[in-house]
């Protein structure tokens, strides 16, 4: 009996040591059509509060639930994300879904990433409004074994979920990609809504004009 307890303790210690050595990586997925300051605030706050080593911005290849008339090529969205995050060494791009093409299930993406990078422990960041939809996510029970979900608190949404979610309080930034696109379409300024380099990219490539 004593030997079994000693062996179990050793196994637990080994598992804890392995977990401690893993890099803590946040994943912030989305359309980023375009990326705005709200995205950056969320990523920075989650990284700081949870002590993450990196936050990877992961653009969709084919944005779900978006009017195709408003969709721009992935290459432009990737270029804008790259411009938006370049000044923060804690931020980086994850192009798995863009390179795969088409619509992706988060489960398939995270299987691919965890197999390719077993040294990482992933924290998947979602808005508080999305937490209620987790039961409808593809293979959610298996997905929760691959990632730790992080819920970004938003006013009007409770913190209840049948799945383990880490909650992070983030300053409320009333900016959305829809708002930015509408401002551009109307010929209005988006300065201070998006990073300067994103603003310049939108103007240079005449995005969201109609």
N, C-alpha and C. Protein backbone atom coordinates (compact mmCIF):
# COMPACT_ATOMS: atom_id res chain seq x y z
N UNK A 1 0.83 -1.20 0.00
CA UNK A 1 0.00 0.00 0.00
C UNK A 1 0.87 1.25 0.00
N UNK A 2 1.93 1.22 0.83
CA UNK A 2 2.82 2.37 0.90
C UNK A 2 3.48 2.62 -0.44
N UNK A 3 3.92 1.53 -1.10
CA UNK A 3 4.60 1.67 -2.38
C UNK A 3 3.67 2.28 -3.43
N UNK A 4 2.42 1.87 -3.41
CA UNK A 4 1.46 2.41 -4.37
C UNK A 4 1.29 3.91 -4.16
N UNK A 5 1.18 4.33 -2.87
CA UNK A 5 1.03 5.75 -2.58
C UNK A 5 2.25 6.53 -3.01
N UNK A 6 3.44 5.96 -2.77
CA UNK A 6 4.66 6.65 -3.17
C UNK A 6 4.72 6.80 -4.68
N UNK A 7 4.33 5.76 -5.41
CA UNK A 7 4.38 5.80 -6.87
C UNK A 7 3.36 6.82 -7.40
N UNK A 8 2.19 6.84 -6.80
CA UNK A 8 1.17 7.79 -7.21
C UNK A 8 1.64 9.22 -6.97
N UNK A 9 2.26 9.47 -5.84
CA UNK A 9 2.76 10.81 -5.53
C UNK A 9 3.81 11.24 -6.55
N UNK A 10 4.66 10.30 -6.93
CA UNK A 10 5.69 10.60 -7.92
C UNK A 10 5.06 10.94 -9.27
N UNK A 11 4.03 10.18 -9.61
CA UNK A 11 3.36 10.44 -10.88
C UNK A 11 2.70 11.82 -10.88
N UNK A 12 2.07 12.16 -9.77
CA UNK A 12 1.44 13.47 -9.66
C UNK A 12 2.48 14.57 -9.75
N UNK A 13 3.59 14.39 -9.07
CA UNK A 13 4.65 15.40 -9.09
C UNK A 13 5.19 15.58 -10.50
N UNK A 14 5.34 14.45 -11.21
CA UNK A 14 5.84 14.51 -12.59
C UNK A 14 4.87 15.27 -13.49
N UNK A 15 3.58 14.97 -13.32
CA UNK A 15 2.56 15.65 -14.12
C UNK A 15 2.55 17.14 -13.82
N UNK A 16 2.67 17.52 -12.56
CA UNK A 16 2.67 18.93 -12.19
C UNK A 16 3.88 19.64 -12.76
N UNK A 17 5.02 18.95 -12.73
CA UNK A 17 6.25 19.55 -13.27
C UNK A 17 6.12 19.77 -14.77
N UNK A 18 5.52 18.78 -15.44
CA UNK A 18 5.35 18.90 -16.89
C UNK A 18 4.43 20.06 -17.23
N UNK A 19 3.36 20.21 -16.45
CA UNK A 19 2.42 21.30 -16.68
C UNK A 19 3.08 22.65 -16.43
N UNK A 20 3.89 22.70 -15.37
CA UNK A 20 4.56 23.95 -15.02
C UNK A 20 5.50 24.41 -16.11
N UNK A 21 6.07 23.46 -16.85
CA UNK A 21 7.03 23.80 -17.90
C UNK A 21 6.36 24.25 -19.19
N UNK A 22 5.09 23.99 -19.32
CA UNK A 22 4.39 24.33 -20.56
C UNK A 22 4.25 25.85 -20.72
N UNK A 23 4.34 26.28 -21.95
CA UNK A 23 4.13 27.70 -22.25
C UNK A 23 2.63 27.96 -22.25
N UNK A 24 2.23 29.06 -21.63
CA UNK A 24 0.82 29.42 -21.53
C UNK A 24 0.48 30.33 -22.71
N UNK A 25 -0.31 29.79 -23.63
CA UNK A 25 -0.59 30.49 -24.89
C UNK A 25 -2.08 30.79 -25.03
N UNK A 26 -2.41 32.06 -25.20
CA UNK A 26 -3.78 32.46 -25.44
C UNK A 26 -4.09 32.40 -26.93
N UNK A 27 -5.33 32.08 -27.26
CA UNK A 27 -5.80 32.08 -28.64
C UNK A 27 -7.00 33.03 -28.71
N UNK A 28 -6.90 34.05 -29.56
CA UNK A 28 -8.02 34.95 -29.79
C UNK A 28 -8.41 34.82 -31.26
N UNK A 29 -9.46 34.07 -31.50
CA UNK A 29 -9.92 33.86 -32.87
C UNK A 29 -10.96 34.87 -33.26
N UNK A 30 -11.15 35.02 -34.57
CA UNK A 30 -12.18 35.94 -35.03
C UNK A 30 -12.01 36.28 -36.50
N UNK A 31 -12.94 37.08 -36.97
CA UNK A 31 -12.91 37.52 -38.35
C UNK A 31 -11.88 38.64 -38.54
N UNK A 32 -11.79 39.53 -37.54
CA UNK A 32 -10.88 40.68 -37.60
C UNK A 32 -11.11 41.45 -38.90
N UNK A 33 -12.35 41.90 -39.05
CA UNK A 33 -12.78 42.52 -40.31
C UNK A 33 -13.36 43.92 -40.07
N UNK A 34 -12.51 44.89 -39.60
CA UNK A 34 -11.07 44.80 -39.36
C UNK A 34 -10.77 44.60 -37.86
N UNK A 35 -9.49 44.38 -37.53
CA UNK A 35 -9.10 44.36 -36.11
C UNK A 35 -9.19 45.79 -35.56
N UNK A 36 -9.61 45.91 -34.30
CA UNK A 36 -9.75 47.24 -33.70
C UNK A 36 -9.15 47.25 -32.30
N UNK A 37 -9.19 48.40 -31.67
CA UNK A 37 -8.54 48.54 -30.37
C UNK A 37 -9.18 47.66 -29.30
N UNK A 38 -10.46 47.36 -29.45
CA UNK A 38 -11.11 46.47 -28.49
C UNK A 38 -10.46 45.10 -28.46
N UNK A 39 -10.09 44.58 -29.64
CA UNK A 39 -9.39 43.28 -29.71
C UNK A 39 -8.07 43.34 -28.95
N UNK A 40 -7.35 44.44 -29.12
CA UNK A 40 -6.03 44.57 -28.48
C UNK A 40 -6.16 44.68 -26.97
N UNK A 41 -7.16 45.42 -26.52
CA UNK A 41 -7.38 45.57 -25.08
C UNK A 41 -7.70 44.21 -24.45
N UNK A 42 -8.58 43.45 -25.09
CA UNK A 42 -8.94 42.12 -24.57
C UNK A 42 -7.70 41.24 -24.47
N UNK A 43 -6.93 41.17 -25.56
CA UNK A 43 -5.74 40.31 -25.57
C UNK A 43 -4.74 40.73 -24.51
N UNK A 44 -4.53 42.02 -24.37
CA UNK A 44 -3.55 42.52 -23.40
C UNK A 44 -4.01 42.26 -21.97
N UNK A 45 -5.28 42.50 -21.69
CA UNK A 45 -5.79 42.30 -20.34
C UNK A 45 -5.76 40.83 -19.94
N UNK A 46 -6.17 39.95 -20.85
CA UNK A 46 -6.16 38.52 -20.55
C UNK A 46 -4.73 38.03 -20.34
N UNK A 47 -3.83 38.46 -21.22
CA UNK A 47 -2.42 38.04 -21.10
C UNK A 47 -1.84 38.48 -19.76
N UNK A 48 -2.12 39.71 -19.37
CA UNK A 48 -1.56 40.25 -18.13
C UNK A 48 -2.17 39.57 -16.90
N UNK A 49 -3.49 39.45 -16.89
CA UNK A 49 -4.16 38.91 -15.71
C UNK A 49 -3.91 37.42 -15.51
N UNK A 50 -3.72 36.68 -16.61
CA UNK A 50 -3.50 35.23 -16.49
C UNK A 50 -2.02 34.86 -16.62
N UNK A 51 -1.18 35.85 -16.84
CA UNK A 51 0.26 35.57 -16.94
C UNK A 51 0.61 34.72 -18.15
N UNK A 52 -0.03 34.99 -19.29
CA UNK A 52 0.24 34.22 -20.50
C UNK A 52 1.56 34.64 -21.13
N UNK A 53 2.21 33.67 -21.76
CA UNK A 53 3.46 33.97 -22.45
C UNK A 53 3.20 34.66 -23.78
N UNK A 54 2.13 34.27 -24.45
CA UNK A 54 1.78 34.83 -25.75
C UNK A 54 0.27 34.83 -25.91
N UNK A 55 -0.22 35.72 -26.76
CA UNK A 55 -1.59 35.64 -27.26
C UNK A 55 -1.50 35.59 -28.77
N UNK A 56 -2.05 34.53 -29.35
CA UNK A 56 -2.04 34.36 -30.80
C UNK A 56 -3.37 34.82 -31.38
N UNK A 57 -3.31 35.74 -32.33
CA UNK A 57 -4.51 36.19 -33.03
C UNK A 57 -4.72 35.24 -34.21
N UNK A 58 -5.88 34.60 -34.25
CA UNK A 58 -6.13 33.57 -35.25
C UNK A 58 -7.32 33.96 -36.15
N UNK A 59 -7.05 34.56 -37.30
CA UNK A 59 -8.14 34.94 -38.22
C UNK A 59 -8.80 33.72 -38.84
N UNK A 60 -10.12 33.85 -39.08
CA UNK A 60 -10.85 32.82 -39.81
C UNK A 60 -10.45 32.86 -41.29
N UNK A 61 -10.47 31.71 -41.93
CA UNK A 61 -10.26 31.68 -43.38
C UNK A 61 -11.51 32.16 -44.08
N UNK A 62 -12.65 31.61 -43.66
CA UNK A 62 -13.94 31.99 -44.21
C UNK A 62 -14.85 32.35 -43.05
N UNK A 63 -15.07 33.64 -42.83
CA UNK A 63 -15.83 34.09 -41.65
C UNK A 63 -17.23 33.50 -41.60
N UNK A 64 -17.62 32.91 -40.47
CA UNK A 64 -18.98 32.39 -40.32
C UNK A 64 -19.96 33.51 -39.99
N UNK A 65 -21.20 33.34 -40.37
CA UNK A 65 -22.27 34.26 -39.99
C UNK A 65 -22.00 35.69 -40.45
N UNK A 66 -21.35 35.86 -41.60
CA UNK A 66 -21.06 37.19 -42.11
C UNK A 66 -21.63 37.32 -43.52
N UNK A 67 -22.29 38.44 -43.79
CA UNK A 67 -22.81 38.71 -45.13
C UNK A 67 -21.64 38.69 -46.11
N UNK A 68 -21.73 37.86 -47.12
CA UNK A 68 -20.63 37.72 -48.06
C UNK A 68 -20.28 39.04 -48.74
N UNK A 69 -21.24 39.97 -48.83
CA UNK A 69 -20.96 41.25 -49.45
C UNK A 69 -19.99 42.07 -48.60
N UNK A 70 -19.93 41.76 -47.31
CA UNK A 70 -19.05 42.50 -46.41
C UNK A 70 -17.72 41.79 -46.17
N UNK A 71 -17.57 40.61 -46.73
CA UNK A 71 -16.37 39.83 -46.51
C UNK A 71 -15.24 40.31 -47.42
N UNK A 72 -14.06 40.47 -46.84
CA UNK A 72 -12.89 40.81 -47.63
C UNK A 72 -11.92 39.62 -47.57
N UNK A 73 -10.98 39.52 -48.52
CA UNK A 73 -10.07 38.38 -48.55
C UNK A 73 -9.28 38.21 -47.25
N UNK A 74 -8.98 36.96 -46.94
CA UNK A 74 -8.22 36.66 -45.72
C UNK A 74 -6.87 37.37 -45.72
N UNK A 75 -6.27 37.52 -46.89
CA UNK A 75 -4.94 38.14 -46.95
C UNK A 75 -4.97 39.57 -46.42
N UNK A 76 -6.07 40.28 -46.67
CA UNK A 76 -6.18 41.65 -46.17
C UNK A 76 -6.40 41.66 -44.66
N UNK A 77 -7.22 40.75 -44.17
CA UNK A 77 -7.46 40.70 -42.73
C UNK A 77 -6.20 40.28 -41.97
N UNK A 78 -5.45 39.35 -42.55
CA UNK A 78 -4.19 38.93 -41.94
C UNK A 78 -3.20 40.09 -41.91
N UNK A 79 -3.12 40.83 -43.02
CA UNK A 79 -2.20 41.97 -43.09
C UNK A 79 -2.56 43.02 -42.05
N UNK A 80 -3.86 43.26 -41.85
CA UNK A 80 -4.26 44.25 -40.85
C UNK A 80 -3.96 43.77 -39.42
N UNK A 81 -4.18 42.49 -39.15
CA UNK A 81 -3.84 41.97 -37.82
C UNK A 81 -2.34 42.08 -37.58
N UNK A 82 -1.56 41.73 -38.59
CA UNK A 82 -0.10 41.82 -38.45
C UNK A 82 0.32 43.26 -38.14
N UNK A 83 -0.30 44.22 -38.82
CA UNK A 83 0.01 45.63 -38.58
C UNK A 83 -0.43 46.06 -37.18
N UNK A 84 -1.57 45.53 -36.73
CA UNK A 84 -2.13 45.94 -35.44
C UNK A 84 -1.29 45.45 -34.26
N UNK A 85 -0.67 44.29 -34.39
CA UNK A 85 -0.01 43.67 -33.24
C UNK A 85 1.51 43.80 -33.24
N UNK A 86 2.06 44.41 -34.28
CA UNK A 86 3.51 44.36 -34.46
C UNK A 86 4.31 45.03 -33.34
N UNK A 87 3.68 45.96 -32.61
CA UNK A 87 4.41 46.68 -31.56
C UNK A 87 4.36 45.98 -30.21
N UNK A 88 3.66 44.87 -30.12
CA UNK A 88 3.56 44.16 -28.85
C UNK A 88 4.22 42.79 -28.98
N UNK A 89 5.38 42.59 -28.35
CA UNK A 89 6.09 41.31 -28.47
C UNK A 89 5.34 40.13 -27.87
N UNK A 90 4.31 40.40 -27.10
CA UNK A 90 3.52 39.33 -26.50
C UNK A 90 2.46 38.80 -27.46
N UNK A 91 2.23 39.53 -28.55
CA UNK A 91 1.22 39.15 -29.54
C UNK A 91 1.87 38.51 -30.75
N UNK A 92 1.14 37.58 -31.38
CA UNK A 92 1.63 36.96 -32.61
C UNK A 92 0.44 36.48 -33.42
N UNK A 93 0.72 36.06 -34.66
CA UNK A 93 -0.29 35.54 -35.57
C UNK A 93 -0.31 34.02 -35.55
N UNK A 94 -1.49 33.44 -35.66
CA UNK A 94 -1.66 32.00 -35.85
C UNK A 94 -2.48 31.82 -37.12
N UNK A 95 -1.86 31.23 -38.15
CA UNK A 95 -2.48 31.16 -39.48
C UNK A 95 -3.00 29.78 -39.84
N UNK A 96 -3.16 28.92 -38.86
CA UNK A 96 -3.61 27.55 -39.13
C UNK A 96 -4.91 27.52 -39.93
N UNK A 97 -5.90 28.28 -39.52
CA UNK A 97 -7.20 28.23 -40.19
C UNK A 97 -7.15 28.89 -41.57
N UNK A 98 -6.39 29.97 -41.69
CA UNK A 98 -6.26 30.63 -42.99
C UNK A 98 -5.57 29.70 -43.98
N UNK A 99 -4.52 29.04 -43.54
CA UNK A 99 -3.77 28.15 -44.43
C UNK A 99 -4.58 26.91 -44.79
N UNK A 100 -5.44 26.45 -43.89
CA UNK A 100 -6.28 25.30 -44.19
C UNK A 100 -7.36 25.67 -45.20
N UNK A 101 -7.89 26.89 -45.09
CA UNK A 101 -8.92 27.35 -46.00
C UNK A 101 -10.30 26.84 -45.61
N UNK A 102 -11.33 27.47 -46.15
CA UNK A 102 -12.69 27.07 -45.85
C UNK A 102 -13.08 27.38 -44.41
N UNK A 103 -14.20 26.80 -43.99
CA UNK A 103 -14.65 27.00 -42.62
C UNK A 103 -14.04 25.94 -41.71
N UNK A 104 -13.66 26.37 -40.53
CA UNK A 104 -12.97 25.46 -39.61
C UNK A 104 -13.75 25.29 -38.32
N UNK A 105 -13.69 24.08 -37.78
CA UNK A 105 -14.19 23.83 -36.44
C UNK A 105 -13.04 24.07 -35.46
N UNK A 106 -13.36 24.75 -34.35
CA UNK A 106 -12.33 25.02 -33.35
C UNK A 106 -11.69 23.72 -32.86
N UNK A 107 -12.50 22.68 -32.72
CA UNK A 107 -11.96 21.39 -32.25
C UNK A 107 -10.85 20.90 -33.18
N UNK A 108 -11.11 20.90 -34.48
CA UNK A 108 -10.10 20.41 -35.44
C UNK A 108 -8.83 21.26 -35.39
N UNK A 109 -9.02 22.57 -35.26
CA UNK A 109 -7.87 23.46 -35.19
C UNK A 109 -7.03 23.18 -33.95
N UNK A 110 -7.69 23.01 -32.82
CA UNK A 110 -6.94 22.81 -31.59
C UNK A 110 -6.31 21.43 -31.51
N UNK A 111 -6.91 20.44 -32.14
CA UNK A 111 -6.25 19.13 -32.24
C UNK A 111 -4.95 19.29 -33.00
N UNK A 112 -5.01 20.02 -34.11
CA UNK A 112 -3.82 20.23 -34.93
C UNK A 112 -2.74 20.99 -34.14
N UNK A 113 -3.14 22.02 -33.43
CA UNK A 113 -2.17 22.83 -32.69
C UNK A 113 -1.57 22.08 -31.51
N UNK A 114 -2.40 21.35 -30.77
CA UNK A 114 -1.87 20.63 -29.60
C UNK A 114 -0.95 19.49 -30.01
N UNK A 115 -1.23 18.90 -31.16
CA UNK A 115 -0.34 17.84 -31.66
C UNK A 115 0.98 18.42 -32.15
N UNK A 116 0.90 19.57 -32.79
CA UNK A 116 2.11 20.21 -33.32
C UNK A 116 2.95 20.87 -32.22
N UNK A 117 2.28 21.30 -31.14
CA UNK A 117 2.98 22.02 -30.07
C UNK A 117 2.58 21.47 -28.70
N UNK A 118 3.01 20.28 -28.37
CA UNK A 118 2.66 19.70 -27.06
C UNK A 118 3.27 20.47 -25.90
N UNK A 119 4.20 21.36 -26.20
CA UNK A 119 4.83 22.15 -25.15
C UNK A 119 3.94 23.32 -24.69
N UNK A 120 2.83 23.53 -25.38
CA UNK A 120 1.94 24.65 -25.07
C UNK A 120 0.70 24.22 -24.30
N UNK A 121 0.27 25.08 -23.41
CA UNK A 121 -1.03 24.94 -22.76
C UNK A 121 -1.89 26.09 -23.29
N UNK A 122 -3.02 25.76 -23.92
CA UNK A 122 -3.79 26.77 -24.64
C UNK A 122 -4.98 27.30 -23.83
N UNK A 123 -5.16 28.61 -23.93
CA UNK A 123 -6.27 29.32 -23.30
C UNK A 123 -7.06 29.98 -24.43
N UNK A 124 -8.28 29.48 -24.65
CA UNK A 124 -9.08 29.96 -25.78
C UNK A 124 -10.01 31.07 -25.29
N UNK A 125 -9.80 32.27 -25.83
CA UNK A 125 -10.48 33.47 -25.35
C UNK A 125 -11.76 33.72 -26.15
N UNK A 126 -12.88 33.85 -25.42
CA UNK A 126 -14.15 34.15 -26.08
C UNK A 126 -14.90 35.22 -25.29
N UNK A 127 -15.78 35.93 -25.97
CA UNK A 127 -16.59 36.93 -25.30
C UNK A 127 -17.60 36.30 -24.37
N UNK A 128 -17.98 37.04 -23.33
CA UNK A 128 -18.94 36.51 -22.38
C UNK A 128 -20.25 36.10 -23.02
N UNK A 129 -20.62 36.77 -24.12
CA UNK A 129 -21.87 36.43 -24.80
C UNK A 129 -21.79 35.08 -25.50
N UNK A 130 -20.57 34.63 -25.82
CA UNK A 130 -20.40 33.36 -26.52
C UNK A 130 -20.41 32.16 -25.58
N UNK A 131 -20.20 32.39 -24.30
CA UNK A 131 -20.14 31.28 -23.34
C UNK A 131 -21.43 30.48 -23.35
N UNK A 132 -22.56 31.17 -23.48
CA UNK A 132 -23.86 30.48 -23.47
C UNK A 132 -24.01 29.53 -24.65
N UNK A 133 -23.24 29.75 -25.71
CA UNK A 133 -23.36 28.90 -26.90
C UNK A 133 -22.40 27.72 -26.89
N UNK A 134 -21.56 27.61 -25.88
CA UNK A 134 -20.59 26.52 -25.84
C UNK A 134 -21.23 25.13 -25.99
N UNK A 135 -22.40 24.87 -25.40
CA UNK A 135 -22.99 23.53 -25.58
C UNK A 135 -23.26 23.17 -27.04
N UNK A 136 -23.33 24.16 -27.92
CA UNK A 136 -23.61 23.91 -29.33
C UNK A 136 -22.33 23.77 -30.16
N UNK A 137 -21.18 24.00 -29.54
CA UNK A 137 -19.92 23.91 -30.29
C UNK A 137 -19.63 22.46 -30.67
N UNK A 138 -19.03 22.29 -31.80
CA UNK A 138 -18.69 20.97 -32.32
C UNK A 138 -17.71 20.25 -31.38
N UNK A 139 -18.10 19.08 -30.93
CA UNK A 139 -17.28 18.22 -30.06
C UNK A 139 -16.76 18.99 -28.83
N UNK A 140 -17.67 19.71 -28.21
CA UNK A 140 -17.29 20.58 -27.11
C UNK A 140 -16.69 19.82 -25.93
N UNK A 141 -17.22 18.64 -25.62
CA UNK A 141 -16.69 17.89 -24.48
C UNK A 141 -15.23 17.53 -24.67
N UNK A 142 -14.88 17.17 -25.90
CA UNK A 142 -13.48 16.84 -26.19
C UNK A 142 -12.63 18.11 -26.27
N UNK A 143 -13.24 19.19 -26.76
CA UNK A 143 -12.51 20.46 -26.89
C UNK A 143 -12.09 20.99 -25.52
N UNK A 144 -12.95 20.82 -24.52
CA UNK A 144 -12.60 21.32 -23.19
C UNK A 144 -11.41 20.58 -22.57
N UNK A 145 -11.08 19.43 -23.13
CA UNK A 145 -9.90 18.70 -22.66
C UNK A 145 -8.63 19.20 -23.34
N UNK A 146 -8.80 19.94 -24.43
CA UNK A 146 -7.66 20.45 -25.18
C UNK A 146 -7.29 21.88 -24.81
N UNK A 147 -8.31 22.66 -24.37
CA UNK A 147 -8.06 24.06 -24.07
C UNK A 147 -8.74 24.44 -22.76
N UNK A 148 -8.26 25.53 -22.19
CA UNK A 148 -8.95 26.17 -21.08
C UNK A 148 -9.68 27.38 -21.66
N UNK A 149 -11.01 27.38 -21.58
CA UNK A 149 -11.75 28.53 -22.08
C UNK A 149 -11.60 29.72 -21.12
N UNK A 150 -11.46 30.89 -21.72
CA UNK A 150 -11.39 32.14 -20.96
C UNK A 150 -12.55 33.01 -21.42
N UNK A 151 -13.42 33.37 -20.49
CA UNK A 151 -14.55 34.22 -20.82
C UNK A 151 -14.27 35.66 -20.47
N UNK A 152 -14.45 36.55 -21.44
CA UNK A 152 -14.27 37.98 -21.22
C UNK A 152 -15.60 38.55 -20.76
N UNK A 153 -15.64 39.07 -19.55
CA UNK A 153 -16.89 39.53 -18.97
C UNK A 153 -17.47 40.69 -19.75
N UNK A 154 -18.77 40.61 -20.03
CA UNK A 154 -19.49 41.68 -20.68
C UNK A 154 -20.78 41.94 -19.92
N UNK A 155 -21.16 43.20 -19.87
CA UNK A 155 -22.35 43.58 -19.13
C UNK A 155 -23.58 42.88 -19.70
N UNK A 156 -24.39 42.32 -18.82
CA UNK A 156 -25.63 41.69 -19.24
C UNK A 156 -25.54 40.19 -19.43
N UNK A 157 -24.34 39.62 -19.28
CA UNK A 157 -24.18 38.17 -19.43
C UNK A 157 -23.67 37.58 -18.12
N UNK A 158 -24.31 36.51 -17.68
CA UNK A 158 -23.88 35.91 -16.42
C UNK A 158 -22.69 34.97 -16.64
N UNK A 159 -22.15 34.51 -15.54
CA UNK A 159 -20.94 33.70 -15.61
C UNK A 159 -21.22 32.21 -15.47
N UNK A 160 -22.44 31.81 -15.65
CA UNK A 160 -22.79 30.39 -15.49
C UNK A 160 -22.52 29.62 -16.77
N UNK A 161 -21.92 28.44 -16.62
CA UNK A 161 -21.66 27.57 -17.76
C UNK A 161 -21.47 26.15 -17.26
N UNK A 162 -21.95 25.16 -18.02
CA UNK A 162 -21.72 23.77 -17.63
C UNK A 162 -20.28 23.34 -17.88
N UNK A 163 -19.49 24.21 -18.49
CA UNK A 163 -18.10 23.90 -18.81
C UNK A 163 -17.16 24.79 -18.00
N UNK A 164 -15.95 24.32 -17.76
CA UNK A 164 -15.00 25.14 -16.99
C UNK A 164 -14.56 26.36 -17.78
N UNK A 165 -14.82 27.53 -17.23
CA UNK A 165 -14.46 28.80 -17.87
C UNK A 165 -13.75 29.68 -16.86
N UNK A 166 -12.59 30.20 -17.25
CA UNK A 166 -11.90 31.21 -16.44
C UNK A 166 -12.45 32.56 -16.87
N UNK A 167 -12.88 33.37 -15.91
CA UNK A 167 -13.46 34.67 -16.24
C UNK A 167 -12.46 35.79 -15.98
N UNK A 168 -12.39 36.71 -16.92
CA UNK A 168 -11.49 37.85 -16.80
C UNK A 168 -12.29 39.13 -17.00
N UNK A 169 -12.15 40.06 -16.07
CA UNK A 169 -12.80 41.37 -16.20
C UNK A 169 -11.95 42.27 -17.07
N UNK A 170 -12.56 42.81 -18.11
CA UNK A 170 -11.85 43.66 -19.06
C UNK A 170 -12.63 44.96 -19.20
N UNK A 171 -11.93 46.11 -19.27
CA UNK A 171 -12.64 47.38 -19.48
C UNK A 171 -13.54 47.30 -20.71
N UNK A 172 -14.74 47.84 -20.58
CA UNK A 172 -15.70 47.80 -21.67
C UNK A 172 -15.33 48.82 -22.74
N UNK A 173 -15.00 48.31 -23.92
CA UNK A 173 -14.63 49.17 -25.05
C UNK A 173 -15.75 49.04 -26.10
N UNK A 174 -16.51 50.10 -26.27
CA UNK A 174 -17.66 50.04 -27.16
C UNK A 174 -17.31 50.19 -28.63
N UNK A 175 -16.43 49.32 -29.10
CA UNK A 175 -16.02 49.35 -30.51
C UNK A 175 -16.30 47.97 -31.10
N UNK A 176 -16.79 47.94 -32.33
CA UNK A 176 -16.99 46.68 -33.04
C UNK A 176 -16.50 46.85 -34.47
N UNK A 177 -16.20 45.72 -35.10
CA UNK A 177 -15.77 45.78 -36.50
C UNK A 177 -16.90 46.33 -37.38
N UNK A 178 -18.13 45.99 -37.03
CA UNK A 178 -19.27 46.51 -37.78
C UNK A 178 -19.30 48.04 -37.72
N UNK A 179 -19.06 48.59 -36.55
CA UNK A 179 -19.02 50.04 -36.38
C UNK A 179 -17.93 50.67 -37.24
N UNK A 180 -16.76 50.05 -37.22
CA UNK A 180 -15.64 50.59 -37.99
C UNK A 180 -15.96 50.58 -39.48
N UNK A 181 -16.50 49.46 -39.97
CA UNK A 181 -16.85 49.37 -41.40
C UNK A 181 -17.88 50.44 -41.78
N UNK A 182 -18.85 50.65 -40.91
CA UNK A 182 -19.89 51.64 -41.20
C UNK A 182 -19.30 53.06 -41.21
N UNK A 183 -18.39 53.32 -40.29
CA UNK A 183 -17.74 54.64 -40.27
C UNK A 183 -16.97 54.89 -41.56
N UNK A 184 -16.24 53.88 -42.01
CA UNK A 184 -15.48 54.01 -43.25
C UNK A 184 -16.43 54.20 -44.43
N UNK A 185 -17.49 53.43 -44.47
CA UNK A 185 -18.45 53.52 -45.58
C UNK A 185 -19.05 54.91 -45.67
N UNK A 186 -19.25 55.55 -44.53
CA UNK A 186 -19.84 56.89 -44.49
C UNK A 186 -18.81 57.99 -44.65
N UNK A 187 -17.54 57.59 -44.82
CA UNK A 187 -16.49 58.59 -44.98
C UNK A 187 -16.09 59.27 -43.69
N UNK A 188 -16.37 58.62 -42.55
CA UNK A 188 -16.05 59.18 -41.24
C UNK A 188 -14.70 58.64 -40.74
N UNK A 189 -14.13 59.34 -39.79
CA UNK A 189 -12.84 58.95 -39.23
C UNK A 189 -12.95 57.71 -38.36
N UNK A 190 -11.95 56.85 -38.45
CA UNK A 190 -11.85 55.71 -37.54
C UNK A 190 -10.59 55.83 -36.69
N UNK A 191 -10.03 57.01 -36.66
CA UNK A 191 -8.87 57.26 -35.81
C UNK A 191 -9.26 57.01 -34.35
N UNK A 192 -8.40 56.34 -33.61
CA UNK A 192 -8.62 55.96 -32.22
C UNK A 192 -9.62 54.81 -32.06
N UNK A 193 -10.16 54.32 -33.18
CA UNK A 193 -10.98 53.11 -33.14
C UNK A 193 -10.15 51.90 -33.54
N UNK A 194 -9.21 52.13 -34.45
CA UNK A 194 -8.30 51.09 -34.92
C UNK A 194 -6.87 51.61 -34.79
N UNK A 195 -5.88 50.72 -34.73
CA UNK A 195 -4.49 51.17 -34.72
C UNK A 195 -4.19 51.99 -35.97
N UNK A 196 -3.25 52.91 -35.86
CA UNK A 196 -2.92 53.80 -36.97
C UNK A 196 -2.58 53.04 -38.24
N UNK A 197 -1.81 51.96 -38.12
CA UNK A 197 -1.40 51.22 -39.32
C UNK A 197 -2.58 50.50 -39.97
N UNK A 198 -3.58 50.14 -39.19
CA UNK A 198 -4.78 49.53 -39.76
C UNK A 198 -5.59 50.59 -40.50
N UNK A 199 -5.68 51.77 -39.93
CA UNK A 199 -6.35 52.89 -40.59
C UNK A 199 -5.69 53.18 -41.95
N UNK A 200 -4.38 53.21 -41.96
CA UNK A 200 -3.65 53.48 -43.20
C UNK A 200 -3.88 52.36 -44.23
N UNK A 201 -3.91 51.12 -43.76
CA UNK A 201 -4.12 49.99 -44.67
C UNK A 201 -5.50 50.07 -45.30
N UNK A 202 -6.50 50.38 -44.50
CA UNK A 202 -7.87 50.51 -45.01
C UNK A 202 -7.94 51.58 -46.10
N UNK A 203 -7.29 52.71 -45.84
CA UNK A 203 -7.31 53.81 -46.81
C UNK A 203 -6.54 53.45 -48.07
N UNK A 204 -5.37 52.85 -47.90
CA UNK A 204 -4.52 52.52 -49.04
C UNK A 204 -5.18 51.51 -49.96
N UNK A 205 -5.91 50.54 -49.39
CA UNK A 205 -6.52 49.48 -50.19
C UNK A 205 -8.01 49.71 -50.45
N UNK A 206 -8.48 50.90 -50.04
CA UNK A 206 -9.87 51.30 -50.33
C UNK A 206 -10.88 50.27 -49.83
N UNK A 207 -10.66 49.79 -48.63
CA UNK A 207 -11.54 48.76 -48.07
C UNK A 207 -12.82 49.40 -47.50
N UNK A 208 -13.88 48.60 -47.51
CA UNK A 208 -15.16 48.94 -46.87
C UNK A 208 -15.82 50.19 -47.45
N UNK A 209 -15.53 50.53 -48.69
CA UNK A 209 -16.09 51.75 -49.28
C UNK A 209 -17.55 51.59 -49.69
N UNK A 210 -17.94 50.35 -50.02
CA UNK A 210 -19.33 50.15 -50.40
C UNK A 210 -19.78 48.73 -50.02
